N, C-alpha and C. Protein backbone atom coordinates (compact mmCIF):
# COMPACT_ATOMS: atom_id res chain seq x y z
N UNK A 1 181.75 117.77 31.78
CA UNK A 1 181.24 118.68 33.44
C UNK A 1 180.18 119.49 33.19
N UNK A 2 180.30 120.29 31.94
CA UNK A 2 179.38 121.46 32.32
C UNK A 2 178.05 120.49 31.81
N UNK A 3 177.68 119.16 31.39
CA UNK A 3 176.31 118.78 31.44
C UNK A 3 175.77 118.08 32.26
N UNK A 4 176.58 117.49 33.09
CA UNK A 4 176.40 116.87 34.95
C UNK A 4 175.69 118.10 35.34
N UNK A 5 176.73 119.24 35.40
CA UNK A 5 176.14 120.80 36.27
C UNK A 5 174.71 120.54 35.70
N UNK A 6 174.17 120.69 34.63
CA UNK A 6 173.47 120.80 34.10
C UNK A 6 171.72 120.09 34.29
N UNK A 7 172.27 118.90 34.39
CA UNK A 7 171.76 117.84 34.63
C UNK A 7 171.11 117.80 36.10
N UNK A 8 172.08 118.29 37.11
CA UNK A 8 172.07 118.29 38.66
C UNK A 8 171.20 119.18 38.55
N UNK A 9 171.68 120.67 38.50
CA UNK A 9 170.35 121.24 38.80
C UNK A 9 168.97 121.34 38.37
N UNK A 10 168.87 120.61 37.30
CA UNK A 10 167.35 120.55 36.41
C UNK A 10 166.97 119.73 37.76
N UNK A 11 167.31 118.63 38.40
CA UNK A 11 166.99 117.56 39.21
C UNK A 11 166.54 118.26 40.90
N UNK A 12 167.53 119.31 40.74
CA UNK A 12 167.06 119.85 42.36
C UNK A 12 165.52 120.95 41.87
N UNK A 13 165.64 121.61 40.80
CA UNK A 13 164.30 122.29 40.60
C UNK A 13 163.27 121.49 40.41
N UNK A 14 163.46 120.16 40.35
CA UNK A 14 162.19 119.40 40.16
C UNK A 14 161.84 119.11 41.45
N UNK A 15 163.35 118.64 42.41
CA UNK A 15 162.63 118.37 43.65
C UNK A 15 162.32 119.63 44.30
N UNK A 16 162.41 120.71 44.01
CA UNK A 16 162.34 122.04 44.98
C UNK A 16 160.94 121.97 44.31
N UNK A 17 160.35 121.84 43.30
CA UNK A 17 158.70 122.16 42.71
C UNK A 17 157.92 121.37 43.54
N UNK A 18 158.45 119.50 43.51
CA UNK A 18 157.83 118.70 43.57
C UNK A 18 157.27 118.64 45.58
N UNK A 19 158.56 119.44 46.35
CA UNK A 19 158.10 119.59 47.89
C UNK A 19 157.09 121.00 47.72
N UNK A 20 157.39 122.10 46.98
CA UNK A 20 156.56 123.15 47.88
C UNK A 20 154.95 122.61 46.65
N UNK A 21 154.83 121.81 45.85
CA UNK A 21 153.68 121.18 45.81
C UNK A 21 152.99 120.41 47.36
N UNK A 22 153.82 119.51 47.40
CA UNK A 22 153.74 118.54 49.03
C UNK A 22 152.82 119.85 49.93
N UNK A 23 153.99 120.63 50.20
CA UNK A 23 153.52 121.51 51.38
C UNK A 23 152.31 122.18 50.75
N UNK A 24 151.99 122.92 49.79
CA UNK A 24 150.88 123.52 49.12
C UNK A 24 149.33 122.82 49.74
N UNK A 25 150.13 121.19 49.47
CA UNK A 25 148.66 120.79 49.22
C UNK A 25 148.41 120.25 50.94
N UNK A 26 149.50 119.84 51.74
CA UNK A 26 149.37 119.74 52.99
C UNK A 26 148.94 121.16 53.81
N UNK A 27 149.51 121.94 53.47
CA UNK A 27 148.65 123.34 53.82
C UNK A 27 147.44 123.31 53.75
N UNK A 28 146.73 123.08 52.56
CA UNK A 28 145.58 123.33 52.53
C UNK A 28 144.42 121.95 52.87
N UNK A 29 144.93 120.99 53.27
CA UNK A 29 144.12 120.23 53.80
C UNK A 29 143.93 119.88 55.59
N UNK A 30 145.15 120.93 56.30
CA UNK A 30 145.24 121.38 57.34
C UNK A 30 144.48 122.79 57.60
N UNK A 31 144.04 123.37 56.59
CA UNK A 31 143.80 124.59 57.18
C UNK A 31 142.09 124.86 56.86
N UNK A 32 141.88 124.24 55.63
CA UNK A 32 140.76 124.11 55.07
C UNK A 32 139.60 123.19 55.50
N UNK A 33 138.64 122.99 56.12
CA UNK A 33 137.47 122.60 56.06
C UNK A 33 136.31 122.55 54.85
N UNK A 34 135.95 121.13 54.62
CA UNK A 34 135.06 121.61 53.33
C UNK A 34 133.84 122.00 53.75
N UNK A 35 132.74 121.79 54.96
CA UNK A 35 131.55 122.46 55.31
C UNK A 35 131.78 122.84 56.59
N UNK A 36 130.80 124.11 57.25
CA UNK A 36 130.60 124.32 58.33
C UNK A 36 130.46 123.08 59.21
N UNK A 37 130.08 122.87 60.49
CA UNK A 37 129.81 122.29 61.44
C UNK A 37 128.64 122.60 61.76
N UNK A 38 127.17 121.88 62.00
CA UNK A 38 126.36 122.62 62.39
C UNK A 38 125.38 121.14 62.99
N UNK A 39 124.68 121.54 63.82
CA UNK A 39 123.74 120.91 64.60
C UNK A 39 122.31 121.36 64.45
N UNK A 40 121.13 119.90 64.26
CA UNK A 40 120.16 120.56 64.62
C UNK A 40 119.82 119.66 65.25
N UNK A 41 118.42 120.55 65.94
CA UNK A 41 117.70 119.26 67.48
C UNK A 41 116.45 119.76 66.27
N UNK A 42 115.80 119.18 66.91
CA UNK A 42 114.39 118.95 66.43
C UNK A 42 113.29 119.87 67.41
N UNK A 43 113.75 119.69 68.64
CA UNK A 43 112.81 120.73 69.54
C UNK A 43 113.65 122.14 70.22
N UNK A 44 113.20 123.28 70.66
CA UNK A 44 113.69 124.23 70.55
C UNK A 44 114.29 124.23 72.20
N UNK A 45 115.51 124.78 72.30
CA UNK A 45 116.04 124.01 73.62
C UNK A 45 115.38 125.45 74.57
N UNK A 46 114.68 125.84 74.50
CA UNK A 46 114.05 127.01 75.20
C UNK A 46 112.48 126.44 75.23
N UNK A 47 111.53 126.42 76.06
CA UNK A 47 110.47 126.16 76.04
C UNK A 47 109.72 127.13 76.66
N UNK A 48 108.52 127.31 76.09
CA UNK A 48 107.36 128.60 76.85
C UNK A 48 106.26 127.54 77.52
N UNK A 49 106.66 128.06 78.73
CA UNK A 49 105.19 127.53 79.35
C UNK A 49 103.73 128.23 79.37
N UNK A 50 102.69 127.51 79.12
CA UNK A 50 101.92 128.52 79.22
C UNK A 50 101.25 128.33 80.28
N UNK A 51 100.11 129.18 80.43
CA UNK A 51 99.76 128.89 82.25
C UNK A 51 98.88 127.65 82.06
N UNK A 52 98.84 127.13 83.28
CA UNK A 52 98.10 125.71 83.46
C UNK A 52 97.01 126.31 84.87
N UNK A 53 96.11 126.15 83.84
CA UNK A 53 94.65 127.03 84.79
C UNK A 53 94.09 125.03 85.09
N UNK A 54 93.31 125.37 86.11
CA UNK A 54 91.79 124.70 86.09
C UNK A 54 90.42 125.29 87.17
N UNK A 55 89.44 125.11 86.15
CA UNK A 55 88.26 125.04 86.70
C UNK A 55 87.50 124.29 87.49
N UNK A 56 86.65 124.77 88.95
CA UNK A 56 86.14 123.89 89.72
C UNK A 56 85.08 124.54 89.80
N UNK A 57 83.94 123.77 90.51
CA UNK A 57 82.80 124.04 90.25
C UNK A 57 82.50 124.65 91.77
N UNK A 58 83.57 124.26 92.47
CA UNK A 58 83.51 124.98 94.10
C UNK A 58 85.00 125.63 94.42
N UNK A 59 84.90 125.81 95.32
CA UNK A 59 86.45 126.51 96.07
C UNK A 59 87.09 124.84 96.28
N UNK A 60 88.57 124.88 96.08
CA UNK A 60 89.21 123.91 96.40
C UNK A 60 90.04 124.25 97.69
N UNK A 61 90.37 124.95 97.69
CA UNK A 61 90.78 125.84 98.88
C UNK A 61 90.76 126.92 99.67
N UNK A 62 90.68 127.47 100.79
CA UNK A 62 90.73 128.43 101.46
C UNK A 62 91.87 128.96 102.13
N UNK A 63 92.18 129.67 101.90
CA UNK A 63 93.00 131.06 102.56
C UNK A 63 93.56 130.74 104.05
N UNK A 64 94.41 130.39 104.23
CA UNK A 64 94.52 130.22 106.09
C UNK A 64 93.83 129.25 106.61
N UNK A 65 93.63 128.03 105.81
CA UNK A 65 92.97 126.96 106.19
C UNK A 65 93.51 125.67 105.68
N UNK A 66 93.91 124.63 106.28
CA UNK A 66 94.06 123.33 106.05
C UNK A 66 92.78 122.97 105.07
N UNK A 67 93.46 122.82 104.17
CA UNK A 67 92.05 121.63 103.41
C UNK A 67 92.24 120.07 103.40
N UNK A 68 93.35 119.56 104.58
CA UNK A 68 93.45 118.09 104.20
C UNK A 68 92.95 117.20 105.28
N UNK A 69 92.17 118.25 106.45
CA UNK A 69 92.04 118.30 107.98
C UNK A 69 90.21 118.51 108.04
N UNK A 70 89.67 117.27 108.33
CA UNK A 70 88.31 117.24 108.15
C UNK A 70 87.58 117.70 109.61
N UNK A 71 86.88 118.62 109.89
CA UNK A 71 85.99 118.49 111.34
C UNK A 71 86.79 119.37 112.13
N UNK A 72 88.06 119.96 111.82
CA UNK A 72 88.97 120.88 112.49
C UNK A 72 88.62 122.18 113.05
N UNK A 73 88.15 122.47 114.01
CA UNK A 73 88.05 123.85 115.08
C UNK A 73 88.88 124.80 114.38
N UNK A 74 88.38 126.26 114.73
CA UNK A 74 88.91 127.36 115.03
C UNK A 74 88.80 128.20 115.95
N UNK A 75 90.08 128.71 116.54
CA UNK A 75 89.51 129.72 117.63
C UNK A 75 90.08 131.30 117.36
N UNK A 76 90.35 131.26 116.15
CA UNK A 76 91.08 132.63 115.60
C UNK A 76 90.25 133.21 114.40
N UNK A 77 89.01 133.29 114.68
CA UNK A 77 88.42 133.77 113.75
C UNK A 77 88.18 132.67 112.82
N UNK A 78 87.34 133.27 111.52
CA UNK A 78 87.22 132.86 110.07
C UNK A 78 88.32 132.79 109.03
N UNK A 79 88.26 131.18 108.25
CA UNK A 79 88.93 131.97 107.09
C UNK A 79 88.40 132.94 106.13
N UNK A 80 89.38 132.98 105.44
CA UNK A 80 89.10 134.57 104.27
C UNK A 80 87.80 133.91 103.40
N UNK A 81 87.06 134.32 103.42
CA UNK A 81 85.74 134.04 102.54
C UNK A 81 84.52 133.50 103.48
N UNK A 82 84.85 132.84 104.59
CA UNK A 82 84.01 132.40 105.57
C UNK A 82 82.93 133.42 105.92
N UNK A 83 82.15 133.00 106.74
CA UNK A 83 81.14 133.91 107.58
C UNK A 83 81.27 133.34 109.17
N UNK A 84 81.35 134.85 109.68
CA UNK A 84 81.51 134.33 111.18
C UNK A 84 79.82 134.15 111.66
N UNK A 85 79.91 133.04 112.14
CA UNK A 85 78.22 132.91 112.63
C UNK A 85 78.48 132.64 114.41
N UNK A 86 78.07 133.96 114.61
CA UNK A 86 78.28 134.20 115.82
C UNK A 86 78.99 133.78 116.60
N UNK A 87 79.00 132.41 117.81
CA UNK A 87 79.64 132.14 118.39
C UNK A 87 79.66 130.62 118.12
N UNK A 88 79.31 130.17 117.28
CA UNK A 88 78.91 128.89 116.85
C UNK A 88 79.90 128.47 116.01
N UNK A 89 80.61 129.00 115.38
CA UNK A 89 81.45 128.96 113.84
C UNK A 89 81.38 129.65 112.71
N UNK A 90 82.03 129.04 111.67
CA UNK A 90 82.15 130.04 110.32
C UNK A 90 81.59 129.04 109.36
N UNK A 91 80.91 129.54 108.59
CA UNK A 91 79.79 129.33 107.82
C UNK A 91 79.80 129.26 106.06
N UNK A 92 79.81 128.69 105.03
CA UNK A 92 80.20 129.27 103.39
C UNK A 92 79.00 128.19 102.87
N UNK A 93 78.18 129.05 102.08
CA UNK A 93 77.45 128.96 101.45
C UNK A 93 78.04 128.61 99.99
N UNK A 94 77.81 127.39 99.47
CA UNK A 94 78.76 126.92 98.27
C UNK A 94 77.84 126.77 96.92
N UNK A 95 77.10 128.20 96.31
CA UNK A 95 76.42 127.99 95.72
C UNK A 95 76.79 127.38 94.21
N UNK A 96 78.01 126.98 93.77
CA UNK A 96 78.84 127.14 93.17
C UNK A 96 78.71 125.28 92.96
N UNK A 97 78.03 124.40 93.86
CA UNK A 97 78.57 122.98 93.77
C UNK A 97 77.08 122.76 93.72
N UNK A 98 76.07 123.65 92.89
CA UNK A 98 74.41 122.47 93.08
C UNK A 98 74.64 121.69 92.27
N UNK A 99 73.80 120.97 92.48
CA UNK A 99 73.11 119.61 91.94
C UNK A 99 74.32 118.06 92.31
N UNK A 100 74.24 118.90 93.96
CA UNK A 100 75.40 117.58 94.53
C UNK A 100 74.05 116.76 95.29
N UNK A 101 74.19 115.37 95.75
CA UNK A 101 73.31 115.23 96.78
C UNK A 101 73.93 115.13 97.82
N UNK A 102 73.79 114.71 99.10
CA UNK A 102 74.10 114.75 100.00
C UNK A 102 75.51 114.25 100.98
N UNK A 103 75.92 113.01 100.45
CA UNK A 103 77.05 112.74 100.00
C UNK A 103 78.22 113.46 99.56
N UNK A 104 78.16 113.72 98.19
CA UNK A 104 78.60 114.68 97.97
C UNK A 104 78.96 116.10 98.41
N UNK A 105 78.11 116.60 98.69
CA UNK A 105 78.02 117.87 99.38
C UNK A 105 78.91 117.57 100.69
N UNK A 106 79.03 116.48 101.51
CA UNK A 106 79.73 116.64 102.18
C UNK A 106 81.40 116.47 101.72
N UNK A 107 81.27 115.76 100.95
CA UNK A 107 82.49 115.67 100.79
C UNK A 107 83.21 116.92 100.07
N UNK A 108 82.27 118.17 99.09
CA UNK A 108 82.73 119.63 99.06
C UNK A 108 83.29 119.73 100.41
N UNK A 109 82.56 119.78 101.27
CA UNK A 109 82.93 121.03 102.82
C UNK A 109 84.20 119.96 103.23
N UNK A 110 84.19 119.22 102.72
CA UNK A 110 85.61 118.51 103.92
C UNK A 110 86.67 118.83 102.59
N UNK A 111 86.72 119.09 101.08
CA UNK A 111 87.49 119.51 100.55
C UNK A 111 87.98 121.44 100.73
N UNK A 112 87.23 121.85 101.31
CA UNK A 112 87.40 123.23 101.61
C UNK A 112 87.86 123.23 103.14
N UNK A 113 88.14 122.55 104.10
CA UNK A 113 88.52 122.28 105.16
C UNK A 113 87.30 122.56 105.73
N UNK A 114 86.04 121.69 106.06
CA UNK A 114 84.74 121.91 106.67
C UNK A 114 83.89 120.43 106.86
N UNK A 115 83.05 120.99 107.22
CA UNK A 115 81.77 119.61 107.14
C UNK A 115 80.54 120.62 106.98
N UNK A 116 79.37 119.73 106.94
CA UNK A 116 78.66 120.45 106.27
C UNK A 116 77.42 121.16 107.61
N UNK A 117 76.85 122.38 107.66
CA UNK A 117 76.63 123.09 108.49
C UNK A 117 75.76 121.86 109.74
N UNK A 118 75.56 122.87 110.71
CA UNK A 118 75.64 122.15 111.80
C UNK A 118 74.75 123.26 112.78
N UNK A 119 73.15 123.55 112.99
CA UNK A 119 72.98 124.89 113.64
C UNK A 119 72.12 124.34 115.11
N UNK A 120 72.62 124.72 115.80
CA UNK A 120 72.34 124.09 117.62
C UNK A 120 71.37 124.98 118.12
N UNK A 121 71.08 126.09 117.83
CA UNK A 121 70.13 126.54 118.37
C UNK A 121 69.37 128.03 117.61
N UNK A 122 68.33 128.60 117.45
CA UNK A 122 67.34 129.34 116.90
C UNK A 122 68.10 130.82 116.46
N UNK A 123 69.21 131.27 117.65
CA UNK A 123 69.71 131.93 117.18
C UNK A 123 70.92 132.58 116.00
N UNK A 124 71.37 131.05 116.32
CA UNK A 124 72.10 130.71 114.83
C UNK A 124 71.18 130.66 113.84
N UNK A 125 70.25 130.22 113.76
CA UNK A 125 69.57 129.78 112.75
C UNK A 125 69.10 131.13 111.91
N UNK A 126 68.61 132.13 112.94
CA UNK A 126 68.12 133.08 112.28
C UNK A 126 69.37 134.17 111.64
N UNK A 127 70.49 133.93 112.01
CA UNK A 127 71.33 134.42 111.53
C UNK A 127 71.83 134.07 110.41
N UNK A 128 71.90 132.64 110.18
CA UNK A 128 71.78 132.73 108.42
C UNK A 128 70.98 132.41 107.69
N UNK A 129 70.00 132.48 108.24
CA UNK A 129 68.45 133.45 107.68
C UNK A 129 69.03 134.72 106.80
N UNK A 130 69.14 135.17 107.17
CA UNK A 130 69.14 137.14 107.18
C UNK A 130 70.36 136.68 106.36
N UNK A 131 71.44 135.63 106.41
CA UNK A 131 72.93 135.82 105.34
C UNK A 131 72.30 135.46 104.10
N UNK A 132 71.36 134.88 104.62
CA UNK A 132 71.03 133.35 103.35
C UNK A 132 70.54 134.34 102.10
N UNK A 133 69.25 135.05 102.68
CA UNK A 133 68.48 135.77 101.82
C UNK A 133 69.46 136.98 101.18
N UNK A 134 70.22 137.49 102.07
CA UNK A 134 71.18 138.47 101.18
C UNK A 134 72.04 137.91 100.19
N UNK A 135 72.54 136.68 100.14
CA UNK A 135 73.00 136.18 99.12
C UNK A 135 72.55 135.49 98.35
N UNK A 136 71.17 135.22 98.27
CA UNK A 136 70.13 134.93 97.39
C UNK A 136 69.31 135.80 96.62
N UNK A 137 69.71 137.03 97.43
CA UNK A 137 69.24 138.14 96.23
C UNK A 137 70.23 138.50 95.30
N UNK A 138 70.97 138.21 95.52
CA UNK A 138 72.28 138.90 94.26
C UNK A 138 72.44 137.39 93.32
N UNK A 139 72.76 135.90 93.90
CA UNK A 139 72.47 135.00 93.29
C UNK A 139 71.49 134.10 92.67
N UNK A 140 69.98 134.14 93.69
CA UNK A 140 68.92 133.57 93.07
C UNK A 140 68.89 132.53 94.53
N UNK A 141 67.56 132.08 94.39
CA UNK A 141 67.59 131.34 95.88
C UNK A 141 67.62 129.72 95.46
N UNK A 142 68.31 129.63 97.13
CA UNK A 142 68.67 127.66 96.84
C UNK A 142 68.17 127.47 98.09
N UNK A 143 68.19 125.69 97.74
CA UNK A 143 68.07 124.82 99.00
C UNK A 143 69.55 124.83 99.57
N UNK A 144 69.76 123.91 101.32
CA UNK A 144 71.16 123.99 101.42
C UNK A 144 70.83 122.85 102.29
N UNK A 145 71.88 121.97 102.09
CA UNK A 145 71.93 120.55 102.84
C UNK A 145 72.59 121.12 104.12
N UNK A 146 72.46 120.39 104.87
CA UNK A 146 72.78 120.58 106.73
C UNK A 146 73.21 118.96 106.84
N UNK A 147 73.63 118.74 107.63
CA UNK A 147 75.10 117.77 108.25
C UNK A 147 73.67 116.79 109.11
N UNK A 148 72.28 117.18 109.32
CA UNK A 148 71.75 116.61 110.68
C UNK A 148 70.84 115.30 109.15
N UNK A 149 70.80 114.08 110.03
CA UNK A 149 70.38 113.18 109.28
C UNK A 149 70.07 111.87 110.43
N UNK A 150 69.40 111.14 110.00
CA UNK A 150 68.80 109.89 110.51
C UNK A 150 69.16 108.66 109.70
N UNK A 151 70.61 108.65 109.17
CA UNK A 151 70.82 107.02 108.34
C UNK A 151 71.26 106.44 109.74
N UNK A 152 71.47 106.31 110.63
CA UNK A 152 72.05 105.27 111.53
C UNK A 152 70.80 104.95 112.35
N UNK A 153 69.92 105.47 112.92
CA UNK A 153 68.61 104.96 113.45
C UNK A 153 67.18 105.66 112.75
N UNK A 154 66.91 105.61 112.10
CA UNK A 154 65.53 105.70 111.32
C UNK A 154 64.65 106.71 112.34
N UNK A 155 64.21 107.99 112.41
CA UNK A 155 63.59 108.57 113.23
C UNK A 155 64.26 109.01 113.98
N UNK A 156 65.73 109.06 113.99
CA UNK A 156 66.15 109.67 115.26
C UNK A 156 67.44 110.65 114.61
N UNK A 157 67.11 112.04 114.39
CA UNK A 157 68.26 112.77 113.51
C UNK A 157 69.25 113.27 114.48
N UNK A 158 70.32 113.32 114.36
CA UNK A 158 71.22 113.73 114.55
C UNK A 158 72.08 114.41 113.71
N UNK A 159 73.22 115.51 114.59
CA UNK A 159 74.73 116.05 113.17
C UNK A 159 75.10 114.98 113.04
N UNK A 160 76.49 115.34 112.34
CA UNK A 160 76.66 114.05 111.95
C UNK A 160 78.29 114.23 112.71
N UNK A 161 78.21 114.80 113.54
CA UNK A 161 79.95 114.89 114.82
C UNK A 161 78.92 114.33 116.35
N UNK A 162 77.57 114.34 116.06
CA UNK A 162 77.12 113.70 117.55
C UNK A 162 76.79 114.16 117.99
N UNK A 163 76.84 115.77 117.75
CA UNK A 163 76.31 117.05 118.90
C UNK A 163 74.82 116.56 118.79
N UNK A 164 74.47 116.14 120.49
CA UNK A 164 72.95 115.77 120.85
C UNK A 164 71.64 117.12 120.87
N UNK A 165 72.12 117.96 120.26
CA UNK A 165 72.00 119.13 120.26
C UNK A 165 69.64 118.87 120.24
N UNK A 166 69.06 119.21 120.91
CA UNK A 166 67.63 118.74 120.20
C UNK A 166 66.79 120.42 119.46
N UNK A 167 67.60 121.22 119.40
CA UNK A 167 66.76 121.94 118.44
C UNK A 167 66.84 121.70 117.19
N UNK A 168 65.27 121.81 116.69
CA UNK A 168 65.00 121.53 115.18
C UNK A 168 64.34 122.97 114.69
N UNK A 169 64.06 123.27 113.26
CA UNK A 169 63.45 123.93 112.82
C UNK A 169 62.74 123.23 111.61
N UNK A 170 62.31 121.72 111.67
CA UNK A 170 61.59 121.45 110.90
C UNK A 170 59.93 122.28 110.14
N UNK A 171 60.10 121.91 109.02
CA UNK A 171 59.28 122.71 108.19
C UNK A 171 57.82 121.87 108.16
N UNK A 172 56.50 122.34 107.95
CA UNK A 172 55.34 121.72 108.04
C UNK A 172 55.63 120.40 107.53
N UNK A 173 54.77 119.56 108.48
CA UNK A 173 54.60 117.45 108.31
C UNK A 173 55.75 117.38 108.04
N UNK A 174 57.09 118.00 108.81
CA UNK A 174 58.37 117.30 108.41
C UNK A 174 58.75 117.26 110.17
N UNK A 175 59.50 116.29 110.61
CA UNK A 175 59.82 114.78 109.21
C UNK A 175 58.83 114.22 109.07
N UNK A 176 59.12 113.74 107.48
CA UNK A 176 58.06 112.37 107.38
C UNK A 176 57.97 111.44 108.36
N UNK A 177 56.95 110.33 108.40
CA UNK A 177 56.98 109.26 109.36
C UNK A 177 58.03 108.48 109.22
N UNK A 178 58.42 107.87 110.10
CA UNK A 178 59.57 107.21 110.28
C UNK A 178 59.35 105.45 110.32
N UNK A 179 59.34 104.73 109.01
CA UNK A 179 59.15 103.77 108.73
C UNK A 179 59.88 103.40 108.11
N UNK A 180 59.74 101.61 107.70
CA UNK A 180 60.90 100.76 107.17
C UNK A 180 60.49 101.12 105.78
N UNK A 181 59.40 102.02 105.27
CA UNK A 181 60.00 102.33 103.56
C UNK A 181 60.61 104.23 103.87
N UNK A 182 60.52 104.11 104.35
CA UNK A 182 61.08 105.87 104.58
C UNK A 182 62.72 106.01 104.27
N UNK A 183 62.81 106.15 103.22
CA UNK A 183 64.54 106.58 102.46
C UNK A 183 64.88 108.26 102.56
N UNK A 184 63.75 109.04 103.12
CA UNK A 184 64.18 110.65 103.39
C UNK A 184 65.39 110.51 104.69
N UNK A 185 66.12 110.21 104.78
CA UNK A 185 67.50 110.25 105.76
C UNK A 185 68.16 111.14 106.18
N UNK A 186 68.51 112.30 105.00
CA UNK A 186 69.08 113.59 104.87
C UNK A 186 68.41 114.62 105.20
N UNK A 187 68.80 116.09 105.56
CA UNK A 187 67.81 117.17 105.48
C UNK A 187 68.69 118.27 104.87
N UNK A 188 67.87 119.08 104.57
CA UNK A 188 68.02 120.20 104.25
C UNK A 188 67.20 121.63 104.37
N UNK A 189 67.94 123.04 104.52
CA UNK A 189 67.38 124.07 104.55
C UNK A 189 66.92 124.85 103.31
N UNK A 190 65.37 124.40 103.10
CA UNK A 190 64.54 124.88 102.02
C UNK A 190 63.33 126.24 102.56
N UNK A 191 62.18 126.01 102.05
CA UNK A 191 61.35 126.48 101.98
C UNK A 191 61.13 127.52 103.29
N UNK A 192 60.97 129.23 102.99
CA UNK A 192 61.31 129.78 104.16
C UNK A 192 62.11 129.45 105.24
N UNK A 193 63.04 129.07 104.88
CA UNK A 193 64.53 128.66 105.23
C UNK A 193 64.23 127.43 106.65
N UNK A 194 63.60 126.18 106.59
CA UNK A 194 62.73 125.52 107.60
C UNK A 194 63.81 124.75 107.09
N UNK A 195 63.57 123.50 107.90
CA UNK A 195 64.09 121.87 107.33
C UNK A 195 63.35 121.31 107.25
N UNK A 196 63.68 120.38 106.04
CA UNK A 196 63.54 119.49 105.22
C UNK A 196 63.87 118.60 105.28
N UNK A 197 63.36 116.80 105.79
CA UNK A 197 63.82 115.65 105.27
C UNK A 197 63.48 114.86 104.11
N UNK A 198 65.14 114.78 103.25
CA UNK A 198 64.69 113.96 102.11
C UNK A 198 65.48 113.02 101.30
N UNK A 199 65.04 112.25 100.48
CA UNK A 199 66.14 111.00 100.22
C UNK A 199 67.44 111.81 100.21
N UNK A 200 68.76 111.01 100.47
CA UNK A 200 70.02 111.49 100.72
C UNK A 200 70.54 111.86 99.23
N UNK A 201 70.41 110.97 98.09
CA UNK A 201 70.25 110.90 96.83
C UNK A 201 70.11 111.80 95.97
N UNK A 202 69.12 112.73 96.44
CA UNK A 202 68.50 113.90 96.25
C UNK A 202 69.74 114.70 95.28
N UNK A 203 68.90 115.13 94.11
CA UNK A 203 70.37 115.83 93.30
C UNK A 203 69.09 117.00 92.66
N UNK A 204 69.55 118.46 92.64
CA UNK A 204 68.82 119.54 92.13
C UNK A 204 69.35 120.59 91.81
N UNK A 205 68.97 121.26 90.78
CA UNK A 205 69.86 122.31 90.22
C UNK A 205 69.99 123.56 91.13
N UNK A 206 68.95 123.57 92.30
CA UNK A 206 69.25 124.67 93.09
C UNK A 206 69.60 124.73 94.87
N UNK A 207 69.74 123.24 94.93
CA UNK A 207 70.40 122.57 95.85
C UNK A 207 71.79 122.70 96.20
N UNK A 208 72.59 123.06 97.27
CA UNK A 208 74.01 123.29 97.41
C UNK A 208 74.33 123.12 98.61
N UNK A 209 75.72 123.04 99.14
CA UNK A 209 76.14 122.36 100.16
C UNK A 209 76.13 123.88 101.37
N UNK A 210 76.08 123.74 102.19
CA UNK A 210 76.19 124.70 103.46
C UNK A 210 77.34 124.41 104.29
N UNK A 211 78.57 125.37 104.06
CA UNK A 211 79.68 124.69 104.83
C UNK A 211 80.15 124.56 106.12
N UNK A 212 80.46 124.43 107.12
CA UNK A 212 80.63 125.02 108.83
C UNK A 212 82.02 124.42 108.95
N UNK A 213 83.00 125.56 109.74
CA UNK A 213 83.75 125.40 110.67
C UNK A 213 83.67 125.30 112.67
N UNK A 214 83.17 124.63 113.15
CA UNK A 214 82.67 124.96 114.27
C UNK A 214 84.12 125.67 114.94
N UNK A 215 83.68 126.41 115.65
CA UNK A 215 84.89 126.92 117.06
C UNK A 215 84.54 125.87 118.22
N UNK A 216 86.36 126.15 118.46
CA UNK A 216 86.47 124.82 119.70
C UNK A 216 85.77 125.63 120.93
N UNK A 217 85.66 124.02 121.47
CA UNK A 217 84.16 124.29 122.86
C UNK A 217 85.33 125.34 123.95
């Protein structure tokens, strides 16, 4: 009898030890993680944006004026940076755009909301002369493309907006003789602020657009 009790006690002890070991193994497997869970990204989650800047040779926007409208007239004064040209309109000499031909000068003026300059009488011519003289004392001497041209009909110079003003301020021996070989179809304000007809493709380092926004009539 004593032998059976001893065997039974040993068996119970063995079972208890086995159960304890299983519990320890289970506890270890459920409470211990092998490695910390980490993620690695190839790029930072936040991006530092560097300032985006552009450099242009002439203004592409004018405060207070739409740059998408060509030839628009104004009655509320001139946009910031433009010169109030008496009763005719607003003027803007853009010397930064030197080296453009007549068509390119036209496009430059359109990009800032205007057209090439149109001068209808001597008082506006004298006013611009005084303004440009002052400007050129600072930036150097320039010639300035105007809107006047005879592209439509040789020898008949007109403003781009078809204004029929007869005022002209031609320089000596200008305009050149109109014939089939004459390609001087565009006009710029040059020496002594007189007007000179010239090939529309001319490009010069001191030839720039003089832009204009007419006042509404």
